[in-house]
C-alpha atoms as a PDB file:
ATOM      1  CA  UNK A   1      18.990  12.168 -67.816  1.00  0.00           C
ATOM      2  CA  UNK A   2      21.886  11.640 -69.903  1.00  0.00           C
ATOM      3  CA  UNK A   3      25.246  12.548 -67.772  1.00  0.00           C
ATOM      4  CA  UNK A   4      27.680  14.867 -69.415  1.00  0.00           C
ATOM      5  CA  UNK A   5      30.702  13.267 -70.609  1.00  0.00           C
ATOM      6  CA  UNK A   6      34.271  14.316 -70.670  1.00  0.00           C
ATOM      7  CA  UNK A   7      35.668  15.487 -74.265  1.00  0.00           C
ATOM      8  CA  UNK A   8      38.943  16.231 -73.356  1.00  0.00           C
ATOM      9  CA  UNK A   9      41.257  16.307 -70.303  1.00  0.00           C
ATOM     10  CA  UNK A  10      43.976  19.174 -70.086  1.00  0.00           C
ATOM     11  CA  UNK A  11      46.545  20.026 -67.720  1.00  0.00           C
ATOM     12  CA  UNK A  12      46.280  23.718 -66.601  1.00  0.00           C
ATOM     13  CA  UNK A  13      49.452  25.743 -66.556  1.00  0.00           C
ATOM     14  CA  UNK A  14      49.359  29.108 -64.776  1.00  0.00           C
ATOM     15  CA  UNK A  15      52.388  31.269 -66.109  1.00  0.00           C
ATOM     16  CA  UNK A  16      52.585  33.659 -63.343  1.00  0.00           C
ATOM     17  CA  UNK A  17      55.965  35.467 -63.745  1.00  0.00           C
ATOM     18  CA  UNK A  18      57.230  33.625 -66.823  1.00  0.00           C
ATOM     19  CA  UNK A  19      57.904  36.829 -68.541  1.00  0.00           C
ATOM     20  CA  UNK A  20      60.165  38.089 -65.856  1.00  0.00           C
ATOM     21  CA  UNK A  21      60.287  40.302 -63.033  1.00  0.00           C
ATOM     22  CA  UNK A  22      58.754  43.680 -63.776  1.00  0.00           C
ATOM     23  CA  UNK A  23      56.966  42.591 -66.749  1.00  0.00           C
ATOM     24  CA  UNK A  24      53.134  43.426 -67.024  1.00  0.00           C
ATOM     25  CA  UNK A  25      50.195  41.974 -69.063  1.00  0.00           C
ATOM     26  CA  UNK A  26      47.764  44.334 -70.034  1.00  0.00           C
ATOM     27  CA  UNK A  27      44.410  43.529 -71.684  1.00  0.00           C
ATOM     28  CA  UNK A  28      43.698  46.130 -74.573  1.00  0.00           C
ATOM     29  CA  UNK A  29      40.078  46.905 -75.238  1.00  0.00           C
ATOM     30  CA  UNK A  30      38.702  49.061 -78.128  1.00  0.00           C
ATOM     31  CA  UNK A  31      34.780  49.754 -77.320  1.00  0.00           C
ATOM     32  CA  UNK A  32      34.240  51.485 -80.152  1.00  0.00           C
ATOM     33  CA  UNK A  33      35.747  49.168 -82.990  1.00  0.00           C
ATOM     34  CA  UNK A  34      34.090  45.967 -83.581  1.00  0.00           C
ATOM     35  CA  UNK A  35      35.726  42.696 -83.759  1.00  0.00           C
ATOM     36  CA  UNK A  36      34.864  42.239 -87.228  1.00  0.00           C
ATOM     37  CA  UNK A  37      36.912  45.610 -88.087  1.00  0.00           C
ATOM     38  CA  UNK A  38      40.113  45.431 -85.874  1.00  0.00           C
ATOM     39  CA  UNK A  39      42.846  48.136 -85.926  1.00  0.00           C
ATOM     40  CA  UNK A  40      45.648  47.058 -88.248  1.00  0.00           C
ATOM     41  CA  UNK A  41      48.717  45.920 -85.910  1.00  0.00           C
ATOM     42  CA  UNK A  42      50.911  46.534 -89.101  1.00  0.00           C
ATOM     43  CA  UNK A  43      49.517  50.403 -89.040  1.00  0.00           C
ATOM     44  CA  UNK A  44      50.857  50.994 -85.625  1.00  0.00           C
ATOM     45  CA  UNK A  45      53.270  54.001 -85.837  1.00  0.00           C
ATOM     46  CA  UNK A  46      53.994  54.829 -82.371  1.00  0.00           C
ATOM     47  CA  UNK A  47      53.358  53.858 -78.740  1.00  0.00           C
ATOM     48  CA  UNK A  48      53.914  56.010 -75.679  1.00  0.00           C
ATOM     49  CA  UNK A  49      53.196  55.030 -72.033  1.00  0.00           C
ATOM     50  CA  UNK A  50      53.150  57.316 -68.663  1.00  0.00           C
ATOM     51  CA  UNK A  51      53.639  54.501 -66.094  1.00  0.00           C
ATOM     52  CA  UNK A  52      52.742  56.693 -62.997  1.00  0.00           C
ATOM     53  CA  UNK A  53      49.342  57.839 -64.249  1.00  0.00           C
ATOM     54  CA  UNK A  54      49.023  54.330 -66.265  1.00  0.00           C
ATOM     55  CA  UNK A  55      48.016  55.963 -69.763  1.00  0.00           C
ATOM     56  CA  UNK A  56      48.562  54.474 -72.991  1.00  0.00           C
ATOM     57  CA  UNK A  57      48.928  56.441 -76.685  1.00  0.00           C
ATOM     58  CA  UNK A  58      48.899  54.434 -79.841  1.00  0.00           C
ATOM     59  CA  UNK A  59      49.223  56.100 -83.416  1.00  0.00           C
ATOM     60  CA  UNK A  60      47.674  54.141 -85.825  1.00  0.00           C
ATOM     61  CA  UNK A  61      47.715  54.952 -89.617  1.00  0.00           C
ATOM     62  CA  UNK A  62      44.497  55.174 -91.386  1.00  0.00           C
ATOM     63  CA  UNK A  63      43.883  53.391 -94.762  1.00  0.00           C
ATOM     64  CA  UNK A  64      43.379  56.537 -97.175  1.00  0.00           C
ATOM     65  CA  UNK A  65      42.882  54.419-100.053  1.00  0.00           C
ATOM     66  CA  UNK A  66      39.399  52.828 -99.049  1.00  0.00           C
ATOM     67  CA  UNK A  67      36.249  54.101-100.182  1.00  0.00           C
ATOM     68  CA  UNK A  68      35.053  55.371 -96.952  1.00  0.00           C
ATOM     69  CA  UNK A  69      38.066  57.526 -96.556  1.00  0.00           C
ATOM     70  CA  UNK A  70      36.893  61.200 -96.961  1.00  0.00           C
ATOM     71  CA  UNK A  71      39.461  63.875 -97.915  1.00  0.00           C
ATOM     72  CA  UNK A  72      37.095  66.671 -98.630  1.00  0.00           C
ATOM     73  CA  UNK A  73      37.362  68.305 -95.466  1.00  0.00           C
ATOM     74  CA  UNK A  74      39.329  71.234 -93.824  1.00  0.00           C
ATOM     75  CA  UNK A  75      42.808  70.821 -93.788  1.00  0.00           C
ATOM     76  CA  UNK A  76      42.966  70.983 -90.127  1.00  0.00           C
ATOM     77  CA  UNK A  77      40.614  67.861 -90.026  1.00  0.00           C
ATOM     78  CA  UNK A  78      42.168  65.659 -92.459  1.00  0.00           C
ATOM     79  CA  UNK A  79      43.483  63.173 -90.431  1.00  0.00           C
ATOM     80  CA  UNK A  80      46.388  60.780 -91.949  1.00  0.00           C
ATOM     81  CA  UNK A  81      46.634  58.945 -88.587  1.00  0.00           C
ATOM     82  CA  UNK A  82      44.376  58.211 -85.608  1.00  0.00           C
ATOM     83  CA  UNK A  83      45.662  58.523 -81.946  1.00  0.00           C
ATOM     84  CA  UNK A  84      44.274  56.456 -79.621  1.00  0.00           C
ATOM     85  CA  UNK A  85      44.498  57.164 -75.681  1.00  0.00           C
ATOM     86  CA  UNK A  86      43.353  54.656 -72.967  1.00  0.00           C
ATOM     87  CA  UNK A  87      41.080  54.804 -69.738  1.00  0.00           C
ATOM     88  CA  UNK A  88      41.860  52.307 -66.869  1.00  0.00           C
ATOM     89  CA  UNK A  89      38.980  49.817 -66.694  1.00  0.00           C
ATOM     90  CA  UNK A  90      38.200  48.819 -63.191  1.00  0.00           C
ATOM     91  CA  UNK A  91      37.986  44.921 -63.070  1.00  0.00           C
ATOM     92  CA  UNK A  92      35.785  43.405 -60.567  1.00  0.00           C
ATOM     93  CA  UNK A  93      37.418  40.109 -60.771  1.00  0.00           C
ATOM     94  CA  UNK A  94      40.872  38.530 -61.963  1.00  0.00           C
ATOM     95  CA  UNK A  95      41.557  38.105 -65.322  1.00  0.00           C
ATOM     96  CA  UNK A  96      43.507  35.747 -67.464  1.00  0.00           C
ATOM     97  CA  UNK A  97      44.242  35.032 -70.998  1.00  0.00           C
ATOM     98  CA  UNK A  98      44.330  31.265 -72.037  1.00  0.00           C
ATOM     99  CA  UNK A  99      45.660  29.462 -75.208  1.00  0.00           C
ATOM    100  CA  UNK A 100      45.691  25.784 -75.698  1.00  0.00           C
ATOM    101  CA  UNK A 101      49.116  24.289 -76.448  1.00  0.00           C
ATOM    102  CA  UNK A 102      49.014  20.577 -76.971  1.00  0.00           C
ATOM    103  CA  UNK A 103      47.105  18.912 -73.786  1.00  0.00           C
ATOM    104  CA  UNK A 104      47.855  21.923 -72.023  1.00  0.00           C
ATOM    105  CA  UNK A 105      45.687  24.407 -70.904  1.00  0.00           C
ATOM    106  CA  UNK A 106      48.107  27.649 -70.370  1.00  0.00           C
ATOM    107  CA  UNK A 107      46.756  30.585 -68.325  1.00  0.00           C
ATOM    108  CA  UNK A 108      48.402  33.954 -68.267  1.00  0.00           C
ATOM    109  CA  UNK A 109      47.434  36.422 -65.422  1.00  0.00           C
ATOM    110  CA  UNK A 110      46.181  39.771 -66.709  1.00  0.00           C
ATOM    111  CA  UNK A 111      47.532  42.599 -64.505  1.00  0.00           C
ATOM    112  CA  UNK A 112      45.042  45.407 -65.615  1.00  0.00           C
ATOM    113  CA  UNK A 113      43.008  46.114 -68.359  1.00  0.00           C
ATOM    114  CA  UNK A 114      42.691  49.250 -70.614  1.00  0.00           C
ATOM    115  CA  UNK A 115      40.155  50.843 -73.025  1.00  0.00           C
ATOM    116  CA  UNK A 116      41.387  52.650 -76.133  1.00  0.00           C
ATOM    117  CA  UNK A 117      39.603  55.059 -77.881  1.00  0.00           C
ATOM    118  CA  UNK A 118      40.201  58.173 -80.426  1.00  0.00           C
ATOM    119  CA  UNK A 119      41.543  61.089 -79.228  1.00  0.00           C
ATOM    120  CA  UNK A 120      39.862  64.624 -79.987  1.00  0.00           C
ATOM    121  CA  UNK A 121      43.003  66.604 -79.380  1.00  0.00           C
ATOM    122  CA  UNK A 122      43.067  67.854 -82.898  1.00  0.00           C
ATOM    123  CA  UNK A 123      39.568  69.452 -82.486  1.00  0.00           C
ATOM    124  CA  UNK A 124      40.751  71.244 -79.403  1.00  0.00           C
ATOM    125  CA  UNK A 125      43.914  72.475 -80.858  1.00  0.00           C
ATOM    126  CA  UNK A 126      41.365  74.136 -83.752  1.00  0.00           C
ATOM    127  CA  UNK A 127      39.142  75.252 -81.271  1.00  0.00           C
ATOM    128  CA  UNK A 128      42.010  77.293 -79.256  1.00  0.00           C
ATOM    129  CA  UNK A 129      43.431  78.478 -82.936  1.00  0.00           C
ATOM    130  CA  UNK A 130      40.255  79.877 -83.563  1.00  0.00           C
ATOM    131  CA  UNK A 131      40.212  81.832 -80.344  1.00  0.00           C
ATOM    132  CA  UNK A 132      43.488  83.385 -80.675  1.00  0.00           C
ATOM    133  CA  UNK A 133      42.575  84.398 -84.278  1.00  0.00           C
ATOM    134  CA  UNK A 134      39.197  86.123 -83.227  1.00  0.00           C
ATOM    135  CA  UNK A 135      39.594  90.052 -83.318  1.00  0.00           C
ATOM    136  CA  UNK A 136      40.221  92.045 -80.156  1.00  0.00           C
ATOM    137  CA  UNK A 137      37.660  94.246 -79.231  1.00  0.00           C
ATOM    138  CA  UNK A 138      38.297  97.613 -79.889  1.00  0.00           C
ATOM    139  CA  UNK A 139      38.962 100.022 -76.835  1.00  0.00           C
ATOM    140  CA  UNK A 140      36.190 101.998 -76.026  1.00  0.00           C
ATOM    141  CA  UNK A 141      36.022 105.601 -74.599  1.00  0.00           C
ATOM    142  CA  UNK A 142      36.524 104.277 -71.101  1.00  0.00           C
ATOM    143  CA  UNK A 143      39.831 103.118 -72.120  1.00  0.00           C
ATOM    144  CA  UNK A 144      42.738 104.559 -69.746  1.00  0.00           C
ATOM    145  CA  UNK A 145      40.265 105.129 -67.216  1.00  0.00           C
ATOM    146  CA  UNK A 146      40.901 103.867 -63.770  1.00  0.00           C
ATOM    147  CA  UNK A 147      38.293 101.038 -62.684  1.00  0.00           C
ATOM    148  CA  UNK A 148      37.573  99.694 -59.387  1.00  0.00           C
ATOM    149  CA  UNK A 149      39.258  96.225 -58.669  1.00  0.00           C
ATOM    150  CA  UNK A 150      37.629  93.938 -56.244  1.00  0.00           C
ATOM    151  CA  UNK A 151      40.323  91.748 -53.926  1.00  0.00           C
ATOM    152  CA  UNK A 152      39.718  88.648 -52.282  1.00  0.00           C
ATOM    153  CA  UNK A 153      41.520  87.283 -49.280  1.00  0.00           C
ATOM    154  CA  UNK A 154      41.767  83.404 -49.421  1.00  0.00           C
ATOM    155  CA  UNK A 155      41.735  81.536 -46.242  1.00  0.00           C
ATOM    156  CA  UNK A 156      43.952  79.041 -45.953  1.00  0.00           C
ATOM    157  CA  UNK A 157      42.838  75.367 -46.859  1.00  0.00           C
ATOM    158  CA  UNK A 158      41.623  72.908 -44.263  1.00  0.00           C
ATOM    159  CA  UNK A 159      42.838  69.330 -44.412  1.00  0.00           C
ATOM    160  CA  UNK A 160      39.500  68.356 -45.978  1.00  0.00           C
ATOM    161  CA  UNK A 161      39.623  70.972 -48.813  1.00  0.00           C
ATOM    162  CA  UNK A 162      43.169  70.181 -49.609  1.00  0.00           C
ATOM    163  CA  UNK A 163      42.348  66.533 -50.248  1.00  0.00           C
ATOM    164  CA  UNK A 164      39.247  67.471 -52.181  1.00  0.00           C
ATOM    165  CA  UNK A 165      41.217  69.541 -54.484  1.00  0.00           C
ATOM    166  CA  UNK A 166      43.791  66.885 -54.833  1.00  0.00           C
ATOM    167  CA  UNK A 167      40.928  64.580 -55.917  1.00  0.00           C
ATOM    168  CA  UNK A 168      39.488  66.888 -58.214  1.00  0.00           C
ATOM    169  CA  UNK A 169      39.434  66.341 -61.839  1.00  0.00           C
ATOM    170  CA  UNK A 170      41.517  69.489 -62.852  1.00  0.00           C
ATOM    171  CA  UNK A 171      44.366  68.561 -60.250  1.00  0.00           C
ATOM    172  CA  UNK A 172      44.262  64.902 -61.767  1.00  0.00           C
ATOM    173  CA  UNK A 173      44.760  65.902 -65.315  1.00  0.00           C
ATOM    174  CA  UNK A 174      47.488  68.527 -64.429  1.00  0.00           C
ATOM    175  CA  UNK A 175      49.295  66.095 -62.941  1.00  0.00           C
ATOM    176  CA  UNK A 176      49.053  63.557 -65.744  1.00  0.00           C
ATOM    177  CA  UNK A 177      50.003  66.400 -68.442  1.00  0.00           C
ATOM    178  CA  UNK A 178      53.303  67.289 -66.478  1.00  0.00           C
ATOM    179  CA  UNK A 179      54.078  63.458 -66.759  1.00  0.00           C
ATOM    180  CA  UNK A 180      56.702  62.600 -69.284  1.00  0.00           C
ATOM    181  CA  UNK A 181      55.627  60.262 -72.330  1.00  0.00           C
ATOM    182  CA  UNK A 182      57.872  57.361 -72.574  1.00  0.00           C
ATOM    183  CA  UNK A 183      58.365  55.854 -75.693  1.00  0.00           C
ATOM    184  CA  UNK A 184      57.616  51.905 -76.259  1.00  0.00           C
ATOM    185  CA  UNK A 185      58.768  49.686 -78.885  1.00  0.00           C
ATOM    186  CA  UNK A 186      55.666  47.782 -80.734  1.00  0.00           C
ATOM    187  CA  UNK A 187      55.645  44.256 -82.161  1.00  0.00           C
ATOM    188  CA  UNK A 188      52.817  42.966 -83.746  1.00  0.00           C
ATOM    189  CA  UNK A 189      51.500  39.337 -83.283  1.00  0.00           C
ATOM    190  CA  UNK A 190      53.592  37.920 -86.416  1.00  0.00           C
ATOM    191  CA  UNK A 191      57.155  39.558 -85.201  1.00  0.00           C
ATOM    192  CA  UNK A 192      59.991  37.545 -84.058  1.00  0.00           C
ATOM    193  CA  UNK A 193      59.700  38.873 -80.735  1.00  0.00           C
ATOM    194  CA  UNK A 194      56.085  38.092 -80.440  1.00  0.00           C
ATOM    195  CA  UNK A 195      56.527  34.642 -81.409  1.00  0.00           C
ATOM    196  CA  UNK A 196      59.521  34.057 -79.208  1.00  0.00           C
ATOM    197  CA  UNK A 197      57.416  35.212 -76.080  1.00  0.00           C
ATOM    198  CA  UNK A 198      54.615  32.735 -77.275  1.00  0.00           C
ATOM    199  CA  UNK A 199      57.287  30.039 -77.101  1.00  0.00           C
ATOM    200  CA  UNK A 200      58.274  30.855 -73.992  1.00  0.00           C
ATOM    201  CA  UNK A 201      54.833  30.960 -72.405  1.00  0.00           C
ATOM    202  CA  UNK A 202      54.113  27.381 -74.432  1.00  0.00           C
ATOM    203  CA  UNK A 203      57.558  26.037 -73.068  1.00  0.00           C
ATOM    204  CA  UNK A 204      57.318  22.675 -71.136  1.00  0.00           C
ATOM    205  CA  UNK A 205      59.048  24.197 -68.013  1.00  0.00           C
ATOM    206  CA  UNK A 206      57.081  27.359 -67.869  1.00  0.00           C
ATOM    207  CA  UNK A 207      55.597  26.050 -64.588  1.00  0.00           C
ATOM    208  CA  UNK A 208      54.510  22.540 -63.498  1.00  0.00           C
ATOM    209  CA  UNK A 209      50.609  21.892 -64.055  1.00  0.00           C
ATOM    210  CA  UNK A 210      48.551  22.583 -60.791  1.00  0.00           C
ATOM    211  CA  UNK A 211      48.279  19.548 -58.628  1.00  0.00           C
ATOM    212  CA  UNK A 212      45.140  17.738 -58.301  1.00  0.00           C
ATOM    213  CA  UNK A 213      42.539  19.435 -55.826  1.00  0.00           C
ATOM    214  CA  UNK A 214      39.017  20.196 -54.828  1.00  0.00           C
ATOM    215  CA  UNK A 215      37.121  22.702 -57.190  1.00  0.00           C
ATOM    216  CA  UNK A 216      37.037  25.194 -54.429  1.00  0.00           C
ATOM    217  CA  UNK A 217      40.873  25.208 -53.825  1.00  0.00           C
ATOM    218  CA  UNK A 218      41.417  25.137 -57.738  1.00  0.00           C
ATOM    219  CA  UNK A 219      39.203  28.544 -57.993  1.00  0.00           C
ATOM    220  CA  UNK A 220      40.919  30.104 -55.092  1.00  0.00           C
ATOM    221  CA  UNK A 221      44.318  29.356 -56.839  1.00  0.00           C
ATOM    222  CA  UNK A 222      42.944  30.854 -60.085  1.00  0.00           C
ATOM    223  CA  UNK A 223      40.780  33.723 -58.865  1.00  0.00           C
ATOM    224  CA  UNK A 224      42.062  35.107 -55.355  1.00  0.00           C
ATOM    225  CA  UNK A 225      40.068  36.887 -53.002  1.00  0.00           C
ATOM    226  CA  UNK A 226      40.761  40.646 -53.776  1.00  0.00           C
ATOM    227  CA  UNK A 227      40.367  41.118 -50.072  1.00  0.00           C
ATOM    228  CA  UNK A 228      42.905  39.412 -48.719  1.00  0.00           C
ATOM    229  CA  UNK A 229      46.274  41.256 -48.577  1.00  0.00           C
ATOM    230  CA  UNK A 230      48.940  39.734 -50.847  1.00  0.00           C
ATOM    231  CA  UNK A 231      46.667  37.529 -52.673  1.00  0.00           C
ATOM    232  CA  UNK A 232      47.985  36.613 -56.224  1.00  0.00           C
ATOM    233  CA  UNK A 233      48.026  34.017 -58.929  1.00  0.00           C
END
C-alpha cells in the first residue's frame, strides 16, 4: 500500500484579536442564492444592525436591465431594491475563515454566523393598506343600543407564566422592533479599507505560528471545548 506523501507544509497562524478589541467576525450565508449568482457587492446601498438583538439588514439594488426583471406588476410590488434580513445560525462547532499567504495558512476565528433572506415587508404593508381601505360596515338598526359587556378579571402572573410570556415570540418580536437600527458603513472586497484589513491579517507579525504540538493539542487549540468556561481560540 502506497503511503500518502507530503505535498506542502504550511505554518498555521491564528489571527485572534488581530482586528482590534471589540471587533467581530461574522459569516454571512445566503441560502436562497446559489454560489453561481451571488449578490453584487457594488449594489449594496445600505447596511443596518441591531447589536442587542443581533439583527442585520441590507438593502441591495436590483439590476432592472436584465431580461428576467419584470416591471409589468402593480406599483406596490415593483421593487428597485431588495431588503435582506438576517437570522442567527446555531453553530454546533467553532468556525474559522482561512486563506493561504505565501507559506502560511492564516485562520481567522468566526464569532457568529447569520443567514440573509429577502424581507417580505412590502407585502405586509400592502396587506395592511388593503385593510385600512376596506369600507366600514354600515350601522344596523341596533346602532346606539346599549349592549352587555363581559368583563374579565386577570389573575396576577406567576413566575412561570411571566417567564413563558417573556420567551414568547410576540414578546421577542416587540423587543426587536423597539430597538433602533444602527447604520454601518459598507466596504466591498476591492475597497481600500478591505484591502488594508486583508494586508493586516497577512502581516508577518500578525501572530507567531503555533509551536509544534501533538495532533490532539492542536485540535483543542483550534476548536476549543464549548463546555469549558472561557474557552477561546
